[in-house]
Amino acid sequence: MPALGLGYDFLMEDEGPVRSVKQFASDVMLLVRKELDSARSEMAGKAKAAGVGAGMLSGSAVAGVFTLASLTALALIALSLVIPLWASALVITVAWAAITATLAVAGKKKVDDAIPFLPEQTIQSVKEDVEWAQRGRNPLGR
């Protein structure tokens, strides 16, 4: 290497540590970008799952309205032609109640699956990366 004439020639003698530091900084930046992308992707998946669960809960609310609407005259009259009026009202109400309960349970499960609303896989990956860095290993395999 040619001398720069600035009194800092000793820095140019051994580029090994400088190159290592630059490579380390580059690796850290790449790792941080990958982890942020992973967190963004994981959070989008959780948001979608929570949205589906909320939609199912909304569906159960609509079904709850239909539970009350099942007491309407049309359904009662149709079934009352075959069975007594009180029995037809009971059958229709029980059917709508079963649909309501099924949607509510399924929706609640979807919402519970999305909680806690944290990028858990990314957090675990970052913890592993920190452990590797503390041991002096390169998590990117370089």
Protein backbone atom coordinates (compact mmCIF):
# COMPACT_ATOMS: atom_id res chain seq x y z
CA MET A 1 0.00 0.00 0.00
CA PRO A 2 1.32 3.45 -0.81
CA ALA A 3 1.84 5.84 2.05
CA LEU A 4 -0.78 8.55 2.33
CA GLY A 5 1.64 11.02 3.87
CA LEU A 6 -0.92 12.04 6.50
CA GLY A 7 0.67 10.33 9.48
CA TYR A 8 -1.91 7.53 9.49
CA ASP A 9 0.16 5.00 7.55
CA PHE A 10 0.10 2.64 10.52
CA LEU A 11 -3.66 2.15 9.97
CA MET A 12 -3.12 0.87 6.45
CA GLU A 13 -0.49 -1.70 7.44
CA ASP A 14 -2.97 -4.30 8.64
CA GLU A 15 -6.40 -4.18 7.06
CA GLY A 16 -7.42 -7.47 8.66
CA PRO A 17 -9.15 -5.99 11.71
CA VAL A 18 -10.66 -3.16 9.66
CA ARG A 19 -12.01 -5.60 7.10
CA SER A 20 -13.33 -7.82 9.90
CA VAL A 21 -15.14 -4.90 11.52
CA LYS A 22 -16.62 -3.84 8.18
CA GLN A 23 -17.74 -7.42 7.48
CA PHE A 24 -19.22 -7.70 10.96
CA ALA A 25 -21.14 -4.42 10.52
CA SER A 26 -22.37 -5.60 7.13
CA ASP A 27 -23.47 -8.94 8.61
CA VAL A 28 -25.28 -7.22 11.48
CA MET A 29 -27.11 -4.90 9.08
CA LEU A 30 -28.12 -7.86 6.91
CA LEU A 31 -29.25 -9.81 9.96
CA VAL A 32 -31.30 -6.88 11.28
CA ARG A 33 -32.98 -6.46 7.88
CA LYS A 34 -33.82 -10.17 7.73
CA GLU A 35 -35.21 -10.12 11.26
CA LEU A 36 -37.33 -7.03 10.52
CA ASP A 37 -38.68 -8.68 7.37
CA SER A 38 -39.43 -11.80 9.38
CA ALA A 39 -41.22 -9.76 12.07
CA ARG A 40 -43.23 -7.87 9.46
CA SER A 41 -44.30 -11.12 7.79
CA GLU A 42 -45.19 -12.80 11.09
CA MET A 43 -47.24 -9.81 12.26
CA ALA A 44 -49.13 -9.69 8.95
CA GLY A 45 -50.03 -13.37 9.39
CA LYS A 46 -51.25 -12.79 12.93
CA ALA A 47 -53.29 -9.77 11.85
CA LYS A 48 -54.92 -11.84 9.12
CA ALA A 49 -55.75 -14.64 11.59
CA ALA A 50 -57.22 -12.13 14.06
CA GLY A 51 -59.27 -10.61 11.22
CA VAL A 52 -60.68 -14.01 10.30
CA GLY A 53 -61.54 -14.67 13.95
CA ALA A 54 -63.23 -11.27 14.28
CA GLY A 55 -65.21 -12.00 11.12
CA MET A 56 -66.35 -15.31 12.57
CA LEU A 57 -67.40 -13.57 15.79
CA SER A 58 -69.37 -11.09 13.69
CA GLY A 59 -70.98 -14.02 11.92
CA SER A 60 -71.96 -15.47 15.27
CA ALA A 61 -73.60 -12.14 16.16
CA VAL A 62 -75.63 -12.24 12.96
CA ALA A 63 -76.57 -15.83 13.72
CA GLY A 64 -77.67 -14.63 17.17
CA VAL A 65 -80.04 -12.20 15.50
CA PHE A 66 -81.38 -15.06 13.42
CA THR A 67 -81.87 -17.04 16.65
CA LEU A 68 -84.46 -14.46 17.65
CA ALA A 69 -85.81 -14.22 14.09
CA SER A 70 -86.41 -17.95 14.08
CA LEU A 71 -89.48 -17.24 16.13
CA THR A 72 -91.07 -15.64 13.12
CA ALA A 73 -94.41 -16.73 11.86
CA LEU A 74 -93.24 -18.28 8.56
CA ALA A 75 -91.00 -20.91 10.13
CA LEU A 76 -93.41 -21.58 12.93
CA ILE A 77 -96.31 -22.04 10.58
CA ALA A 78 -94.31 -24.33 8.27
CA LEU A 79 -93.28 -26.67 11.06
CA SER A 80 -96.58 -26.42 12.87
CA LEU A 81 -98.13 -28.25 9.93
CA VAL A 82 -96.15 -31.33 10.94
CA ILE A 83 -95.70 -30.96 14.69
CA PRO A 84 -97.37 -28.86 17.37
CA LEU A 85 -96.67 -25.13 17.28
CA TRP A 86 -94.67 -25.13 20.51
CA ALA A 87 -92.43 -27.97 19.22
CA SER A 88 -91.77 -26.20 15.91
CA ALA A 89 -90.69 -23.06 17.79
CA LEU A 90 -88.36 -25.15 19.95
CA VAL A 91 -86.76 -26.96 16.98
CA ILE A 92 -86.06 -23.73 15.06
CA THR A 93 -84.64 -21.96 18.11
CA VAL A 94 -82.35 -24.88 19.02
CA ALA A 95 -81.03 -25.09 15.43
CA TRP A 96 -80.13 -21.38 15.30
CA ALA A 97 -78.62 -21.57 18.79
CA ALA A 98 -76.37 -24.45 17.68
CA ILE A 99 -75.16 -22.45 14.65
CA THR A 100 -74.51 -19.42 16.86
CA ALA A 101 -72.52 -21.45 19.40
CA THR A 102 -70.45 -23.16 16.68
CA LEU A 103 -69.47 -19.87 15.03
CA ALA A 104 -68.70 -18.24 18.38
CA VAL A 105 -66.42 -21.07 19.52
CA ALA A 106 -64.59 -21.22 16.18
CA GLY A 107 -64.17 -17.43 16.07
CA LYS A 108 -62.89 -17.25 19.62
CA LYS A 109 -60.35 -19.97 18.87
CA LYS A 110 -59.05 -18.02 15.85
CA VAL A 111 -58.68 -14.85 17.91
CA ASP A 112 -56.99 -16.75 20.77
CA ASP A 113 -54.54 -18.35 18.31
CA ALA A 114 -53.37 -14.88 17.24
CA ILE A 115 -52.72 -13.74 20.83
CA PRO A 116 -50.24 -12.58 22.04
CA PHE A 117 -49.92 -10.19 19.17
CA LEU A 118 -46.13 -10.40 19.05
CA PRO A 119 -43.72 -11.76 16.42
CA GLU A 120 -42.82 -14.76 18.58
CA GLN A 121 -40.75 -16.60 15.96
CA THR A 122 -38.73 -13.48 15.21
CA ILE A 123 -38.13 -12.81 18.91
CA GLN A 124 -36.83 -16.38 19.30
CA SER A 125 -34.62 -15.98 16.23
CA VAL A 126 -33.14 -12.72 17.55
CA LYS A 127 -32.42 -14.39 20.90
CA GLU A 128 -30.60 -17.18 19.08
CA ASP A 129 -28.64 -14.63 17.02
CA VAL A 130 -27.58 -12.81 20.20
CA GLU A 131 -26.44 -16.10 21.74
CA TRP A 132 -24.37 -16.90 18.65
CA ALA A 133 -22.83 -13.44 18.63
CA GLN A 134 -21.92 -13.76 22.30
CA ARG A 135 -20.15 -17.04 21.55
CA GLY A 136 -18.22 -15.39 18.71
CA ARG A 137 -19.93 -17.32 15.94
CA ASN A 138 -21.41 -15.87 12.77
CA PRO A 139 -25.18 -16.70 12.51
CA LEU A 140 -25.14 -16.08 8.76
CA GLY A 141 -22.69 -18.91 8.18
CA ARG A 142 -19.81 -16.74 6.85
